[in-house]
Amino acid sequence: MSQINLHEIIQQQQEQLAAIQAQIQALLAGGVGGQERRQEERNGGGEVAKPQIFDGSLAKVGGFI
């Protein structure tokens, strides 16, 4: 790889990192999961269905694919 390509890659990664950091800051400012919690409160809470635990038997493989 030439030096030019490495510099371009570094620049792209720095831009991506800055975008990710901005997203993290936005989430922290709004409270992580805050919107989902408010929606649950409006809907009266509710419980999420738990996934079935796979015991490794071949008969149950189709349910997990």
N, C-alpha and C. Protein backbone atom coordinates (compact mmCIF):
# COMPACT_ATOMS: atom_id res chain seq x y z
N MET A 1 0.84 -1.18 0.00
CA MET A 1 0.00 0.00 0.00
C MET A 1 0.89 1.24 0.00
N SER A 2 0.51 2.20 -0.75
CA SER A 2 1.32 3.41 -0.81
C SER A 2 0.96 4.34 0.34
N GLN A 3 1.82 5.30 0.57
CA GLN A 3 1.60 6.28 1.64
C GLN A 3 0.31 7.07 1.42
N ILE A 4 -0.01 7.36 0.17
CA ILE A 4 -1.21 8.14 -0.14
C ILE A 4 -2.45 7.38 0.31
N ASN A 5 -2.51 6.10 0.01
CA ASN A 5 -3.66 5.29 0.42
C ASN A 5 -3.77 5.21 1.93
N LEU A 6 -2.65 5.08 2.61
CA LEU A 6 -2.67 5.02 4.07
C LEU A 6 -3.20 6.32 4.65
N HIS A 7 -2.79 7.45 4.10
CA HIS A 7 -3.27 8.74 4.59
C HIS A 7 -4.76 8.89 4.34
N GLU A 8 -5.24 8.42 3.21
CA GLU A 8 -6.68 8.48 2.92
C GLU A 8 -7.46 7.61 3.89
N ILE A 9 -6.94 6.43 4.16
CA ILE A 9 -7.61 5.52 5.09
C ILE A 9 -7.66 6.13 6.48
N ILE A 10 -6.56 6.71 6.92
CA ILE A 10 -6.52 7.35 8.24
C ILE A 10 -7.52 8.50 8.30
N GLN A 11 -7.60 9.28 7.25
CA GLN A 11 -8.54 10.40 7.22
C GLN A 11 -9.98 9.89 7.31
N GLN A 12 -10.30 8.84 6.57
CA GLN A 12 -11.65 8.28 6.60
C GLN A 12 -11.98 7.75 7.99
N GLN A 13 -11.03 7.09 8.62
CA GLN A 13 -11.27 6.54 9.95
C GLN A 13 -11.45 7.65 10.98
N GLN A 14 -10.70 8.73 10.84
CA GLN A 14 -10.86 9.86 11.74
C GLN A 14 -12.25 10.48 11.59
N GLU A 15 -12.74 10.57 10.37
CA GLU A 15 -14.07 11.11 10.13
C GLU A 15 -15.14 10.20 10.72
N GLN A 16 -14.96 8.89 10.55
CA GLN A 16 -15.91 7.93 11.10
C GLN A 16 -15.91 7.99 12.63
N LEU A 17 -14.73 8.11 13.21
CA LEU A 17 -14.62 8.20 14.65
C LEU A 17 -15.32 9.45 15.17
N ALA A 18 -15.15 10.56 14.49
CA ALA A 18 -15.81 11.80 14.90
C ALA A 18 -17.33 11.65 14.82
N ALA A 19 -17.83 10.99 13.79
CA ALA A 19 -19.27 10.77 13.64
C ALA A 19 -19.80 9.87 14.75
N ILE A 20 -19.07 8.84 15.07
CA ILE A 20 -19.48 7.92 16.14
C ILE A 20 -19.48 8.64 17.49
N GLN A 21 -18.45 9.46 17.73
CA GLN A 21 -18.40 10.21 18.98
C GLN A 21 -19.57 11.17 19.10
N ALA A 22 -19.97 11.78 17.99
CA ALA A 22 -21.12 12.68 18.00
C ALA A 22 -22.40 11.91 18.31
N GLN A 23 -22.52 10.70 17.76
CA GLN A 23 -23.70 9.88 18.05
C GLN A 23 -23.74 9.49 19.53
N ILE A 24 -22.60 9.14 20.08
CA ILE A 24 -22.54 8.78 21.49
C ILE A 24 -22.94 9.96 22.36
N GLN A 25 -22.42 11.14 22.03
CA GLN A 25 -22.77 12.33 22.80
C GLN A 25 -24.26 12.62 22.72
N ALA A 26 -24.85 12.43 21.54
CA ALA A 26 -26.29 12.66 21.39
C ALA A 26 -27.08 11.66 22.23
N LEU A 27 -26.65 10.41 22.25
CA LEU A 27 -27.33 9.41 23.07
C LEU A 27 -27.22 9.73 24.55
N LEU A 28 -26.03 10.14 24.97
CA LEU A 28 -25.84 10.48 26.38
C LEU A 28 -26.65 11.71 26.77
N ALA A 29 -26.75 12.66 25.88
CA ALA A 29 -27.51 13.88 26.17
C ALA A 29 -29.00 13.58 26.32
N GLY A 30 -29.50 12.64 25.52
CA GLY A 30 -30.90 12.27 25.58
C GLY A 30 -31.17 11.15 26.57
N GLY A 31 -30.15 10.63 27.16
CA GLY A 31 -30.31 9.49 28.06
C GLY A 31 -30.41 8.22 27.24
N VAL A 32 -29.45 7.35 27.39
CA VAL A 32 -29.45 6.11 26.60
C VAL A 32 -30.70 5.32 26.92
N GLY A 33 -31.46 5.02 25.89
CA GLY A 33 -32.69 4.25 26.06
C GLY A 33 -33.84 5.07 26.62
N GLY A 34 -33.65 6.35 26.77
CA GLY A 34 -34.69 7.19 27.35
C GLY A 34 -35.98 7.17 26.56
N GLN A 35 -35.89 7.23 25.26
CA GLN A 35 -37.09 7.24 24.43
C GLN A 35 -37.83 5.91 24.55
N GLU A 36 -37.11 4.79 24.57
CA GLU A 36 -37.76 3.49 24.69
C GLU A 36 -38.45 3.37 26.04
N ARG A 37 -37.82 3.87 27.10
CA ARG A 37 -38.43 3.79 28.42
C ARG A 37 -39.69 4.63 28.48
N ARG A 38 -39.67 5.80 27.88
CA ARG A 38 -40.86 6.65 27.88
C ARG A 38 -41.98 5.97 27.11
N GLN A 39 -41.67 5.31 26.01
CA GLN A 39 -42.67 4.61 25.23
C GLN A 39 -43.27 3.47 26.05
N GLU A 40 -42.46 2.74 26.78
CA GLU A 40 -42.96 1.66 27.62
C GLU A 40 -43.89 2.20 28.69
N GLU A 41 -43.52 3.34 29.29
CA GLU A 41 -44.36 3.93 30.33
C GLU A 41 -45.72 4.31 29.77
N ARG A 42 -45.75 4.83 28.55
CA ARG A 42 -47.02 5.18 27.92
C ARG A 42 -47.85 3.96 27.61
N ASN A 43 -47.20 2.87 27.29
CA ASN A 43 -47.90 1.63 26.94
C ASN A 43 -48.19 0.76 28.16
N GLY A 44 -47.86 1.25 29.33
CA GLY A 44 -48.12 0.48 30.54
C GLY A 44 -47.07 -0.57 30.81
N GLY A 45 -45.87 -0.38 30.33
CA GLY A 45 -44.79 -1.33 30.59
C GLY A 45 -44.88 -2.51 29.65
N GLY A 46 -45.07 -3.67 30.22
CA GLY A 46 -45.14 -4.87 29.39
C GLY A 46 -43.83 -5.62 29.47
N GLU A 47 -43.93 -6.90 29.24
CA GLU A 47 -42.73 -7.73 29.30
C GLU A 47 -42.40 -8.25 27.92
N VAL A 48 -41.14 -8.27 27.62
CA VAL A 48 -40.66 -8.76 26.33
C VAL A 48 -40.55 -10.27 26.40
N ALA A 49 -40.96 -10.93 25.32
CA ALA A 49 -40.86 -12.38 25.27
C ALA A 49 -39.40 -12.81 25.30
N LYS A 50 -39.10 -13.77 26.12
CA LYS A 50 -37.73 -14.28 26.24
C LYS A 50 -37.50 -15.34 25.17
N PRO A 51 -36.32 -15.35 24.56
CA PRO A 51 -36.04 -16.37 23.55
C PRO A 51 -35.88 -17.75 24.20
N GLN A 52 -36.22 -18.77 23.44
CA GLN A 52 -36.10 -20.14 23.93
C GLN A 52 -34.62 -20.48 24.07
N ILE A 53 -34.29 -21.21 25.12
CA ILE A 53 -32.90 -21.62 25.34
C ILE A 53 -32.64 -22.89 24.53
N PHE A 54 -31.57 -22.85 23.75
CA PHE A 54 -31.21 -23.99 22.90
C PHE A 54 -30.43 -25.00 23.72
N ASP A 55 -30.93 -26.24 23.73
CA ASP A 55 -30.27 -27.28 24.52
C ASP A 55 -29.31 -28.14 23.72
N GLY A 56 -29.16 -27.84 22.42
CA GLY A 56 -28.20 -28.55 21.60
C GLY A 56 -28.77 -29.76 20.87
N SER A 57 -30.04 -30.08 21.08
CA SER A 57 -30.60 -31.25 20.42
C SER A 57 -30.86 -30.94 18.94
N LEU A 58 -30.62 -31.92 18.09
CA LEU A 58 -30.79 -31.75 16.65
C LEU A 58 -32.24 -31.50 16.28
N ALA A 59 -33.19 -31.99 17.04
CA ALA A 59 -34.61 -31.82 16.73
C ALA A 59 -35.04 -30.36 16.81
N LYS A 60 -34.32 -29.56 17.60
CA LYS A 60 -34.71 -28.16 17.81
C LYS A 60 -33.90 -27.19 16.96
N VAL A 61 -33.01 -27.67 16.13
CA VAL A 61 -32.15 -26.79 15.32
C VAL A 61 -32.97 -25.91 14.38
N GLY A 62 -34.03 -26.46 13.78
CA GLY A 62 -34.84 -25.71 12.82
C GLY A 62 -35.44 -24.45 13.44
N GLY A 63 -35.76 -24.45 14.70
CA GLY A 63 -36.33 -23.29 15.36
C GLY A 63 -35.36 -22.15 15.55
N PHE A 64 -34.10 -22.41 15.44
CA PHE A 64 -33.08 -21.39 15.67
C PHE A 64 -32.44 -20.90 14.38
N ILE A 65 -32.88 -21.43 13.25
CA ILE A 65 -32.30 -21.01 11.97
C ILE A 65 -33.16 -19.95 11.35
